[in-house]
C-alpha atoms as a PDB file:
ATOM      1  CA  MET A   1     161.106  25.346 108.735  1.00  0.00           C
ATOM      2  CA  SER A   2     161.113  22.318 110.623  1.00  0.00           C
ATOM      3  CA  ALA A   3     158.908  20.070 110.287  1.00  0.00           C
ATOM      4  CA  HIS A   4     158.188  19.754 113.906  1.00  0.00           C
ATOM      5  CA  ARG A   5     157.318  23.334 113.946  1.00  0.00           C
ATOM      6  CA  GLN A   6     154.118  24.880 112.320  1.00  0.00           C
ATOM      7  CA  ALA A   7     153.793  28.474 111.525  1.00  0.00           C
ATOM      8  CA  ILE A   8     151.765  31.107 112.325  1.00  0.00           C
ATOM      9  CA  ILE A   9     151.475  34.289 110.493  1.00  0.00           C
ATOM     10  CA  TYR A  10     149.838  37.429 112.609  1.00  0.00           C
ATOM     11  CA  SER A  11     149.180  40.600 110.447  1.00  0.00           C
ATOM     12  CA  ASP A  12     147.934  44.136 110.760  1.00  0.00           C
ATOM     13  CA  LEU A  13     145.245  45.017 108.735  1.00  0.00           C
ATOM     14  CA  ASP A  14     144.950  48.776 107.965  1.00  0.00           C
ATOM     15  CA  GLY A  15     148.117  49.764 105.896  1.00  0.00           C
ATOM     16  CA  THR A  16     149.470  46.440 106.039  1.00  0.00           C
ATOM     17  CA  PHE A  17     147.472  44.041 104.815  1.00  0.00           C
ATOM     18  CA  LEU A  18     145.068  46.680 103.418  1.00  0.00           C
ATOM     19  CA  ASP A  19     146.362  49.149 101.238  1.00  0.00           C
ATOM     20  CA  PRO A  20     146.521  52.550 103.063  1.00  0.00           C
ATOM     21  CA  VAL A  21     144.271  54.432 100.730  1.00  0.00           C
ATOM     22  CA  THR A  22     141.726  51.857  98.983  1.00  0.00           C
ATOM     23  CA  TYR A  23     141.413  49.680 101.693  1.00  0.00           C
ATOM     24  CA  SER A  24     141.989  46.830  99.177  1.00  0.00           C
ATOM     25  CA  PHE A  25     143.642  43.531  99.476  1.00  0.00           C
ATOM     26  CA  GLU A  26     143.339  42.468  96.118  1.00  0.00           C
ATOM     27  CA  ALA A  27     147.553  42.498  95.637  1.00  0.00           C
ATOM     28  CA  VAL A  28     147.933  39.614  98.290  1.00  0.00           C
ATOM     29  CA  ARG A  29     145.396  37.303  97.263  1.00  0.00           C
ATOM     30  CA  PRO A  30     147.789  34.811  95.665  1.00  0.00           C
ATOM     31  CA  THR A  31     150.004  35.035  98.882  1.00  0.00           C
ATOM     32  CA  VAL A  32     146.951  34.030 100.956  1.00  0.00           C
ATOM     33  CA  ALA A  33     145.995  31.389  98.649  1.00  0.00           C
ATOM     34  CA  GLU A  34     149.115  30.093  98.972  1.00  0.00           C
ATOM     35  CA  LEU A  35     149.320  30.440 102.620  1.00  0.00           C
ATOM     36  CA  LYS A  36     145.488  28.361 103.000  1.00  0.00           C
ATOM     37  CA  ARG A  37     147.465  26.043 100.412  1.00  0.00           C
ATOM     38  CA  ARG A  38     150.339  25.222 102.923  1.00  0.00           C
ATOM     39  CA  GLY A  39     147.838  25.146 105.633  1.00  0.00           C
ATOM     40  CA  LEU A  40     149.192  28.233 107.606  1.00  0.00           C
ATOM     41  CA  PRO A  41     146.941  30.117 110.080  1.00  0.00           C
ATOM     42  CA  LEU A  42     146.646  33.809 108.934  1.00  0.00           C
ATOM     43  CA  VAL A  43     145.789  35.625 111.854  1.00  0.00           C
ATOM     44  CA  PHE A  44     144.009  38.997 111.798  1.00  0.00           C
ATOM     45  CA  CYS A  45     145.708  41.340 114.694  1.00  0.00           C
ATOM     46  CA  SER A  46     143.958  44.669 114.435  1.00  0.00           C
ATOM     47  CA  SER A  47     142.569  47.912 116.022  1.00  0.00           C
ATOM     48  CA  LYS A  48     139.367  47.325 113.633  1.00  0.00           C
ATOM     49  CA  THR A  49     136.383  45.796 115.389  1.00  0.00           C
ATOM     50  CA  ARG A  50     135.075  42.068 115.515  1.00  0.00           C
ATOM     51  CA  ALA A  51     132.326  43.544 113.137  1.00  0.00           C
ATOM     52  CA  GLU A  52     135.245  44.711 110.826  1.00  0.00           C
ATOM     53  CA  ILE A  53     137.703  41.915 110.757  1.00  0.00           C
ATOM     54  CA  GLU A  54     134.502  39.278 110.429  1.00  0.00           C
ATOM     55  CA  PHE A  55     133.691  41.152 107.350  1.00  0.00           C
ATOM     56  CA  ILE A  56     137.173  41.170 105.898  1.00  0.00           C
ATOM     57  CA  ARG A  57     137.653  37.590 106.694  1.00  0.00           C
ATOM     58  CA  ARG A  58     134.735  36.479 104.854  1.00  0.00           C
ATOM     59  CA  GLN A  59     135.827  38.374 102.127  1.00  0.00           C
ATOM     60  CA  ALA A  60     139.014  36.968 101.850  1.00  0.00           C
ATOM     61  CA  ASP A  61     137.646  33.164 102.768  1.00  0.00           C
ATOM     62  CA  ILE A  62     139.808  33.111 106.206  1.00  0.00           C
ATOM     63  CA  HIS A  63     138.435  31.005 108.892  1.00  0.00           C
ATOM     64  CA  ASP A  64     141.369  31.305 111.331  1.00  0.00           C
ATOM     65  CA  PRO A  65     141.233  33.257 114.717  1.00  0.00           C
ATOM     66  CA  TYR A  66     141.585  37.067 115.101  1.00  0.00           C
ATOM     67  CA  ILE A  67     142.428  39.479 117.268  1.00  0.00           C
ATOM     68  CA  CYS A  68     140.285  42.659 117.563  1.00  0.00           C
ATOM     69  CA  GLU A  69     140.708  46.213 118.771  1.00  0.00           C
ATOM     70  CA  ASN A  70     144.316  46.121 119.878  1.00  0.00           C
ATOM     71  CA  GLY A  71     144.513  43.092 121.627  1.00  0.00           C
ATOM     72  CA  GLY A  72     140.539  43.631 123.462  1.00  0.00           C
ATOM     73  CA  ALA A  73     139.504  40.289 122.621  1.00  0.00           C
ATOM     74  CA  VAL A  74     140.827  36.664 121.038  1.00  0.00           C
ATOM     75  CA  CYS A  75     138.353  35.866 118.661  1.00  0.00           C
ATOM     76  CA  ILE A  76     138.142  31.970 118.081  1.00  0.00           C
ATOM     77  CA  PRO A  77     135.780  30.211 116.006  1.00  0.00           C
ATOM     78  CA  LYS A  78     133.767  27.750 117.898  1.00  0.00           C
ATOM     79  CA  GLY A  79     135.676  24.303 117.427  1.00  0.00           C
ATOM     80  CA  TYR A  80     138.505  25.845 115.983  1.00  0.00           C
ATOM     81  CA  PHE A  81     140.866  23.648 118.449  1.00  0.00           C
ATOM     82  CA  PRO A  82     139.950  20.105 119.618  1.00  0.00           C
ATOM     83  CA  PHE A  83     139.894  21.079 123.312  1.00  0.00           C
ATOM     84  CA  PRO A  84     137.899  23.153 125.566  1.00  0.00           C
ATOM     85  CA  ILE A  85     139.245  27.216 126.152  1.00  0.00           C
ATOM     86  CA  GLY A  86     138.858  28.003 129.668  1.00  0.00           C
ATOM     87  CA  GLY A  87     137.576  31.788 130.049  1.00  0.00           C
ATOM     88  CA  ALA A  88     136.247  32.034 126.783  1.00  0.00           C
ATOM     89  CA  VAL A  89     132.553  33.523 126.465  1.00  0.00           C
ATOM     90  CA  GLU A  90     130.579  32.114 123.340  1.00  0.00           C
ATOM     91  CA  ARG A  91     128.775  34.811 120.846  1.00  0.00           C
ATOM     92  CA  ASN A  92     127.316  33.889 117.898  1.00  0.00           C
ATOM     93  CA  GLY A  93     129.315  30.793 117.237  1.00  0.00           C
ATOM     94  CA  THR A  94     132.768  32.772 118.284  1.00  0.00           C
ATOM     95  CA  LEU A  95     134.532  31.958 121.458  1.00  0.00           C
ATOM     96  CA  LEU A  96     135.755  35.157 123.014  1.00  0.00           C
ATOM     97  CA  ILE A  97     138.816  35.754 125.339  1.00  0.00           C
ATOM     98  CA  GLU A  98     138.293  39.039 126.668  1.00  0.00           C
ATOM     99  CA  LEU A  99     141.590  40.974 127.665  1.00  0.00           C
ATOM    100  CA  GLY A 100     140.172  44.788 127.069  1.00  0.00           C
ATOM    101  CA  THR A 101     138.373  47.251 129.334  1.00  0.00           C
ATOM    102  CA  ARG A 102     134.472  48.047 128.617  1.00  0.00           C
ATOM    103  CA  TYR A 103     134.128  50.376 126.160  1.00  0.00           C
ATOM    104  CA  SER A 104     131.695  52.369 128.439  1.00  0.00           C
ATOM    105  CA  ARG A 105     134.334  53.013 130.758  1.00  0.00           C
ATOM    106  CA  LEU A 106     136.899  54.112 128.221  1.00  0.00           C
ATOM    107  CA  VAL A 107     134.311  56.968 126.730  1.00  0.00           C
ATOM    108  CA  ALA A 108     133.912  58.093 130.091  1.00  0.00           C
ATOM    109  CA  THR A 109     137.658  58.660 131.001  1.00  0.00           C
ATOM    110  CA  LEU A 110     138.130  60.119 127.479  1.00  0.00           C
ATOM    111  CA  HIS A 111     134.979  62.598 128.145  1.00  0.00           C
ATOM    112  CA  ARG A 112     136.586  63.701 131.566  1.00  0.00           C
ATOM    113  CA  ILE A 113     139.822  63.955 130.326  1.00  0.00           C
ATOM    114  CA  ARG A 114     138.683  66.568 127.453  1.00  0.00           C
ATOM    115  CA  ARG A 115     137.211  68.591 130.248  1.00  0.00           C
ATOM    116  CA  THR A 116     139.810  68.667 132.425  1.00  0.00           C
ATOM    117  CA  THR A 117     142.766  69.245 129.973  1.00  0.00           C
ATOM    118  CA  ARG A 118     140.661  71.093 127.330  1.00  0.00           C
ATOM    119  CA  ALA A 119     142.077  69.318 124.815  1.00  0.00           C
ATOM    120  CA  ARG A 120     140.094  69.211 121.317  1.00  0.00           C
ATOM    121  CA  ILE A 121     139.201  65.837 121.720  1.00  0.00           C
ATOM    122  CA  ILE A 122     136.870  64.254 119.007  1.00  0.00           C
ATOM    123  CA  GLY A 123     136.333  60.368 119.737  1.00  0.00           C
ATOM    124  CA  PHE A 124     134.452  57.855 117.754  1.00  0.00           C
ATOM    125  CA  SER A 125     131.742  57.947 120.467  1.00  0.00           C
ATOM    126  CA  ASP A 126     131.422  61.732 119.428  1.00  0.00           C
ATOM    127  CA  MET A 127     130.946  61.007 115.626  1.00  0.00           C
ATOM    128  CA  SER A 128     127.995  60.168 113.908  1.00  0.00           C
ATOM    129  CA  VAL A 129     128.287  57.032 111.252  1.00  0.00           C
ATOM    130  CA  GLU A 130     128.346  59.964 108.665  1.00  0.00           C
ATOM    131  CA  ASP A 131     131.214  61.690 110.249  1.00  0.00           C
ATOM    132  CA  ILE A 132     133.482  58.574 110.694  1.00  0.00           C
ATOM    133  CA  ALA A 133     132.879  57.644 106.995  1.00  0.00           C
ATOM    134  CA  ALA A 134     134.061  61.037 105.914  1.00  0.00           C
ATOM    135  CA  ASP A 135     136.942  60.952 108.166  1.00  0.00           C
ATOM    136  CA  ALA A 136     138.369  57.646 107.465  1.00  0.00           C
ATOM    137  CA  GLY A 137     137.642  57.353 103.819  1.00  0.00           C
ATOM    138  CA  LEU A 138     135.188  54.441 104.390  1.00  0.00           C
ATOM    139  CA  SER A 139     131.429  53.762 102.891  1.00  0.00           C
ATOM    140  CA  ARG A 140     128.567  54.182 105.144  1.00  0.00           C
ATOM    141  CA  ASP A 141     128.507  49.940 105.768  1.00  0.00           C
ATOM    142  CA  GLU A 142     132.388  50.129 106.412  1.00  0.00           C
ATOM    143  CA  ALA A 143     131.689  53.201 108.980  1.00  0.00           C
ATOM    144  CA  GLU A 144     128.954  51.560 110.736  1.00  0.00           C
ATOM    145  CA  ARG A 145     131.240  48.400 111.380  1.00  0.00           C
ATOM    146  CA  ALA A 146     133.930  50.442 112.288  1.00  0.00           C
ATOM    147  CA  ARG A 147     131.612  52.283 115.133  1.00  0.00           C
ATOM    148  CA  GLN A 148     130.720  49.125 116.751  1.00  0.00           C
ATOM    149  CA  ARG A 149     133.174  49.458 119.266  1.00  0.00           C
ATOM    150  CA  GLU A 150     133.930  47.352 122.509  1.00  0.00           C
ATOM    151  CA  TYR A 151     137.165  47.880 124.097  1.00  0.00           C
ATOM    152  CA  ASP A 152     138.976  50.366 122.483  1.00  0.00           C
ATOM    153  CA  GLU A 153     138.185  53.985 121.656  1.00  0.00           C
ATOM    154  CA  PRO A 154     139.886  55.589 118.553  1.00  0.00           C
ATOM    155  CA  PHE A 155     140.019  59.123 118.992  1.00  0.00           C
ATOM    156  CA  LYS A 156     142.188  62.535 117.480  1.00  0.00           C
ATOM    157  CA  ILE A 157     143.314  65.410 118.986  1.00  0.00           C
ATOM    158  CA  LEU A 158     142.829  68.426 117.050  1.00  0.00           C
ATOM    159  CA  ASP A 159     145.540  70.217 118.790  1.00  0.00           C
ATOM    160  CA  ASP A 160     149.126  70.291 117.272  1.00  0.00           C
ATOM    161  CA  ASP A 161     150.734  71.121 120.455  1.00  0.00           C
ATOM    162  CA  PRO A 162     152.963  68.540 121.695  1.00  0.00           C
ATOM    163  CA  THR A 163     152.439  69.576 125.264  1.00  0.00           C
ATOM    164  CA  VAL A 164     148.529  69.071 124.891  1.00  0.00           C
ATOM    165  CA  ILE A 165     149.003  65.877 123.607  1.00  0.00           C
ATOM    166  CA  GLN A 166     151.405  64.681 126.146  1.00  0.00           C
ATOM    167  CA  ALA A 167     148.859  66.333 128.862  1.00  0.00           C
ATOM    168  CA  VAL A 168     146.126  63.782 127.346  1.00  0.00           C
ATOM    169  CA  CYS A 169     148.327  60.736 127.201  1.00  0.00           C
ATOM    170  CA  ASP A 170     149.527  61.594 131.294  1.00  0.00           C
ATOM    171  CA  GLN A 171     146.368  61.992 132.571  1.00  0.00           C
ATOM    172  CA  ILE A 172     145.104  58.367 130.434  1.00  0.00           C
ATOM    173  CA  ARG A 173     147.854  56.811 131.980  1.00  0.00           C
ATOM    174  CA  GLN A 174     146.902  58.143 135.519  1.00  0.00           C
ATOM    175  CA  SER A 175     143.575  56.590 134.623  1.00  0.00           C
ATOM    176  CA  GLY A 176     144.845  53.328 134.857  1.00  0.00           C
ATOM    177  CA  LEU A 177     144.127  53.120 130.943  1.00  0.00           C
ATOM    178  CA  HIS A 178     146.651  53.011 128.071  1.00  0.00           C
ATOM    179  CA  CYS A 179     146.768  54.957 124.866  1.00  0.00           C
ATOM    180  CA  THR A 180     148.837  54.103 121.505  1.00  0.00           C
ATOM    181  CA  ARG A 181     149.053  55.522 118.341  1.00  0.00           C
ATOM    182  CA  GLY A 182     147.673  53.880 115.034  1.00  0.00           C
ATOM    183  CA  GLY A 183     148.199  54.941 111.527  1.00  0.00           C
ATOM    184  CA  ARG A 184     145.174  57.399 111.584  1.00  0.00           C
ATOM    185  CA  TYR A 185     144.014  57.742 115.105  1.00  0.00           C
ATOM    186  CA  PHE A 186     144.893  57.494 118.724  1.00  0.00           C
ATOM    187  CA  HIS A 187     143.404  54.297 120.367  1.00  0.00           C
ATOM    188  CA  LEU A 188     142.302  54.604 124.547  1.00  0.00           C
ATOM    189  CA  MET A 189     142.086  50.867 126.152  1.00  0.00           C
ATOM    190  CA  GLY A 190     142.739  49.183 128.968  1.00  0.00           C
ATOM    191  CA  ASN A 191     145.617  46.635 130.160  1.00  0.00           C
ATOM    192  CA  ASN A 192     145.439  45.025 126.850  1.00  0.00           C
ATOM    193  CA  ASP A 193     147.848  45.195 123.607  1.00  0.00           C
ATOM    194  CA  LYS A 194     148.172  42.981 120.472  1.00  0.00           C
ATOM    195  CA  GLY A 195     151.268  41.549 122.349  1.00  0.00           C
ATOM    196  CA  ARG A 196     149.093  40.209 125.136  1.00  0.00           C
ATOM    197  CA  ALA A 197     146.305  38.869 122.800  1.00  0.00           C
ATOM    198  CA  VAL A 198     149.334  37.027 120.906  1.00  0.00           C
ATOM    199  CA  ASP A 199     150.877  35.389 123.710  1.00  0.00           C
ATOM    200  CA  ARG A 200     147.673  33.990 124.577  1.00  0.00           C
ATOM    201  CA  LEU A 201     146.662  33.078 121.108  1.00  0.00           C
ATOM    202  CA  ASN A 202     149.890  30.944 120.904  1.00  0.00           C
ATOM    203  CA  GLU A 203     149.500  29.313 123.799  1.00  0.00           C
ATOM    204  CA  LEU A 204     146.614  27.463 122.279  1.00  0.00           C
ATOM    205  CA  TYR A 205     148.695  27.015 119.353  1.00  0.00           C
ATOM    206  CA  ARG A 206     151.474  25.121 121.128  1.00  0.00           C
ATOM    207  CA  ARG A 207     148.700  23.297 123.092  1.00  0.00           C
ATOM    208  CA  GLN A 208     147.784  21.693 119.790  1.00  0.00           C
ATOM    209  CA  TYR A 209     150.890  21.949 117.707  1.00  0.00           C
ATOM    210  CA  GLY A 210     153.348  21.636 119.949  1.00  0.00           C
ATOM    211  CA  HIS A 211     156.188  23.802 118.602  1.00  0.00           C
ATOM    212  CA  ILE A 212     155.294  27.069 116.632  1.00  0.00           C
ATOM    213  CA  PHE A 213     157.356  29.659 114.864  1.00  0.00           C
ATOM    214  CA  THR A 214     155.524  33.035 114.656  1.00  0.00           C
ATOM    215  CA  ILE A 215     155.525  35.611 111.728  1.00  0.00           C
ATOM    216  CA  GLY A 216     153.897  39.238 112.618  1.00  0.00           C
ATOM    217  CA  LEU A 217     153.615  41.992 109.774  1.00  0.00           C
ATOM    218  CA  GLY A 218     152.819  45.730 110.595  1.00  0.00           C
ATOM    219  CA  ASP A 219     153.399  49.221 109.979  1.00  0.00           C
ATOM    220  CA  SER A 220     152.599  51.637 112.772  1.00  0.00           C
ATOM    221  CA  PRO A 221     153.745  51.698 116.634  1.00  0.00           C
ATOM    222  CA  ASN A 222     150.230  49.909 117.770  1.00  0.00           C
ATOM    223  CA  ASP A 223     151.805  47.045 116.046  1.00  0.00           C
ATOM    224  CA  LEU A 224     155.311  46.872 117.849  1.00  0.00           C
ATOM    225  CA  PRO A 225     153.825  44.494 121.105  1.00  0.00           C
ATOM    226  CA  MET A 226     152.539  42.073 118.288  1.00  0.00           C
ATOM    227  CA  LEU A 227     155.993  42.385 116.666  1.00  0.00           C
ATOM    228  CA  LYS A 228     157.843  42.238 119.783  1.00  0.00           C
ATOM    229  CA  ALA A 229     155.746  38.835 120.381  1.00  0.00           C
ATOM    230  CA  VAL A 230     156.835  37.033 117.373  1.00  0.00           C
ATOM    231  CA  ASP A 231     160.067  35.132 116.604  1.00  0.00           C
ATOM    232  CA  LEU A 232     160.270  37.238 112.986  1.00  0.00           C
ATOM    233  CA  PRO A 233     158.773  40.545 113.080  1.00  0.00           C
ATOM    234  CA  ILE A 234     158.312  42.050 109.812  1.00  0.00           C
ATOM    235  CA  LEU A 235     157.799  46.231 109.044  1.00  0.00           C
ATOM    236  CA  VAL A 236     156.376  47.470 105.962  1.00  0.00           C
ATOM    237  CA  LYS A 237     156.536  50.993 104.347  1.00  0.00           C
ATOM    238  CA  LYS A 238     154.317  53.537 104.994  1.00  0.00           C
ATOM    239  CA  PRO A 239     152.458  55.585 102.635  1.00  0.00           C
ATOM    240  CA  ASP A 240     155.663  58.208 102.411  1.00  0.00           C
ATOM    241  CA  GLY A 241     157.938  55.416 101.380  1.00  0.00           C
ATOM    242  CA  ARG A 242     159.400  55.304 104.935  1.00  0.00           C
ATOM    243  CA  HIS A 243     159.472  52.692 107.865  1.00  0.00           C
ATOM    244  CA  ASP A 244     158.032  53.577 110.981  1.00  0.00           C
ATOM    245  CA  PRO A 245     161.274  55.087 112.959  1.00  0.00           C
ATOM    246  CA  GLY A 246     159.554  54.594 116.369  1.00  0.00           C
ATOM    247  CA  VAL A 247     159.385  51.041 115.634  1.00  0.00           C
ATOM    248  CA  ILE A 248     162.610  50.834 114.349  1.00  0.00           C
ATOM    249  CA  ALA A 249     164.147  52.518 117.508  1.00  0.00           C
ATOM    250  CA  SER A 250     162.008  50.146 119.843  1.00  0.00           C
ATOM    251  CA  LEU A 251     163.093  46.800 117.858  1.00  0.00           C
ATOM    252  CA  PRO A 252     166.258  46.689 115.986  1.00  0.00           C
ATOM    253  CA  ARG A 253     165.530  43.330 115.238  1.00  0.00           C
ATOM    254  CA  VAL A 254     162.616  44.213 112.965  1.00  0.00           C
ATOM    255  CA  LYS A 255     163.027  43.211 109.417  1.00  0.00           C
ATOM    256  CA  ARG A 256     162.386  46.211 107.187  1.00  0.00           C
ATOM    257  CA  ILE A 257     160.777  45.147 103.851  1.00  0.00           C
ATOM    258  CA  ASP A 258     160.961  47.757 100.566  1.00  0.00           C
ATOM    259  CA  GLY A 259     156.921  47.590  99.901  1.00  0.00           C
ATOM    260  CA  ILE A 260     154.161  49.950 101.201  1.00  0.00           C
ATOM    261  CA  GLY A 261     151.693  48.471 102.940  1.00  0.00           C
ATOM    262  CA  PRO A 262     150.222  45.264 101.133  1.00  0.00           C
ATOM    263  CA  ILE A 263     152.745  45.290  98.718  1.00  0.00           C
ATOM    264  CA  GLY A 264     155.355  44.860 101.547  1.00  0.00           C
ATOM    265  CA  TRP A 265     153.250  42.056 102.909  1.00  0.00           C
ATOM    266  CA  ARG A 266     153.256  40.391  99.725  1.00  0.00           C
ATOM    267  CA  LEU A 267     156.940  40.316  99.097  1.00  0.00           C
ATOM    268  CA  ALA A 268     157.834  39.481 102.608  1.00  0.00           C
ATOM    269  CA  LEU A 269     155.536  36.562 102.800  1.00  0.00           C
ATOM    270  CA  GLU A 270     156.475  35.284  99.488  1.00  0.00           C
ATOM    271  CA  GLU A 271     160.272  35.696 100.226  1.00  0.00           C
ATOM    272  CA  TRP A 272     159.605  33.409 103.509  1.00  0.00           C
ATOM    273  CA  LEU A 273     157.912  30.990 101.547  1.00  0.00           C
ATOM    274  CA  ALA A 274     160.267  30.684  98.976  1.00  0.00           C
ATOM    275  CA  SER A 275     162.633  29.804 101.675  1.00  0.00           C
ATOM    276  CA  GLU A 276     160.720  27.320 103.212  1.00  0.00           C
ATOM    277  CA  ARG A 277     160.325  25.225  99.878  1.00  0.00           C
END
């Protein structure tokens, strides 16, 4: 890495930084410590809520900005950048650049689509904290944080019929909204995605550092906009030991790492860090 370019690391959480089964990040702690030692920002870019990501940041002792709910907002600790950020709103010491659609509209649209298509759709808004915990393999506290949605409604389509799934997705688009698929759920959202949020945050990093070099790590189709927005996109393996074929087809330049979830995450960044010594 040239001394004139600041590296920025963008990372998905579920199935990438976090183990897809246990949600642990113990495997990557030494790598996180090395990133901090070198002064390299680690920006989580996830479908998770602000409450979920802030909890993980505290556990990992990370203080960089983050992107929540599939690009619904760019969240920046107050004072992180040495200049004012236009259009940001402050909430509890965090500056939010809001890019997403309000949650109430998303829920109302999903309920209407469920009625018109008669598809068996279940969203987080339909589920109790206990339901979410059981379905996603979370503790009650984790499920409570996951339910604090602001810009993104996770949902499941219980029908296996591809025509039903397509009909739901078509109606979402006709409503002026968007749908993406993560590792476990579909996600209903507005005109936002991880890539737009990365672009917005990159503008601020360029303002601070001048030249930057961006790395992105993910595992699923909803990571594709983020991976397209970075200089070095990296794809880790899914739990079945394969790389997501849709991501590969859409982004042939993506670097495929031979490791599942956080094991692949660690291998990819250790390899890159070694090349930069």
